[in-house]
Protein backbone atom coordinates (compact mmCIF):
# COMPACT_ATOMS: atom_id res chain seq x y z
CA MET A 1 -5.43 9.01 -3.39
CA VAL A 2 -1.93 7.94 -2.36
CA VAL A 3 -0.34 11.10 -3.75
CA ASN A 4 -2.94 13.23 -1.94
CA LEU A 5 -2.13 11.44 1.29
CA ALA A 6 1.59 11.98 0.73
CA ILE A 7 0.95 15.72 0.39
CA GLY A 8 -1.09 15.69 3.59
CA PHE A 9 1.60 13.82 5.49
CA ILE A 10 4.28 16.41 4.70
CA THR A 11 2.25 19.59 5.27
CA PRO A 12 1.49 21.23 8.59
CA PRO A 13 -0.58 21.25 10.81
CA VAL A 14 -1.31 17.52 10.55
CA GLY A 15 2.01 16.52 8.92
CA VAL A 16 2.58 13.17 10.60
CA ASN A 17 5.81 12.67 8.66
CA LEU A 18 7.04 16.04 9.92
CA PHE A 19 6.54 14.95 13.53
CA VAL A 20 8.38 11.68 12.90
CA GLY A 21 11.21 13.37 11.00
CA SER A 22 11.55 16.04 13.67
CA GLY A 23 11.69 13.45 16.44
CA ILE A 24 14.27 11.28 14.70
CA SER A 25 16.54 14.06 13.47
CA GLY A 26 16.19 16.53 16.33
CA ILE A 27 15.49 19.35 13.87
CA SER A 28 12.75 21.80 14.76
CA MET A 29 9.36 21.55 13.06
CA LYS A 30 9.84 25.02 11.54
CA ALA A 31 13.20 24.14 9.95
CA LEU A 32 11.89 20.82 8.71
CA SER A 33 8.76 22.42 7.24
CA ILE A 34 10.92 24.86 5.30
CA ALA A 35 13.18 22.03 4.07
CA VAL A 36 10.16 20.10 2.76
CA ILE A 37 8.90 22.93 0.52
CA PRO A 38 10.68 21.76 -2.68
CA PHE A 39 9.35 18.22 -2.21
CA PHE A 40 5.87 19.63 -1.66
CA PHE A 41 5.90 21.47 -4.99
CA VAL A 42 7.23 18.44 -6.87
CA THR A 43 4.52 16.26 -5.32
CA VAL A 44 1.80 18.77 -6.20
CA LEU A 45 3.11 18.86 -9.77
CA ALA A 46 3.02 15.05 -9.90
CA LEU A 47 -0.55 15.11 -8.57
CA LEU A 48 -1.63 17.57 -11.23
CA LEU A 49 -0.07 15.43 -13.95
CA ILE A 50 -1.78 12.30 -12.62
CA VAL A 51 -5.15 14.05 -12.38
CA PHE A 52 -5.11 15.75 -15.78
CA ILE A 53 -3.22 13.06 -17.73
CA PRO A 54 -4.54 9.79 -16.28
CA ASP A 55 -2.69 7.66 -18.85
CA LEU A 56 0.51 8.40 -16.92
CA SER A 57 -0.72 6.37 -13.98
CA LEU A 58 -2.82 3.84 -15.88
CA TRP A 59 -0.34 2.74 -18.57
CA ILE A 60 0.85 -0.26 -16.57
CA GLY A 61 -2.62 -1.81 -16.66
CA HIS A 62 -2.88 -1.24 -20.40
CA TYR A 63 0.64 -2.51 -21.07
CA PHE A 64 0.35 -5.74 -19.11
CA SER A 65 -3.29 -6.58 -19.83
CA ILE A 66 -3.92 -9.92 -21.44
């Protein structure tokens, strides 16, 4: 759920993080949206790995369980 929210926060039209980043940096929304594209693809890849290989995100619970 957190990774899905992260994707939503960096993609237009809702992109709350884009509005904040644009306001702080003074860069236009268009330029910032283009700059975020590589991070978007990496985050989508991470989401796919988490969804289809759940042991990647659940190993901590298995490793530290008593």
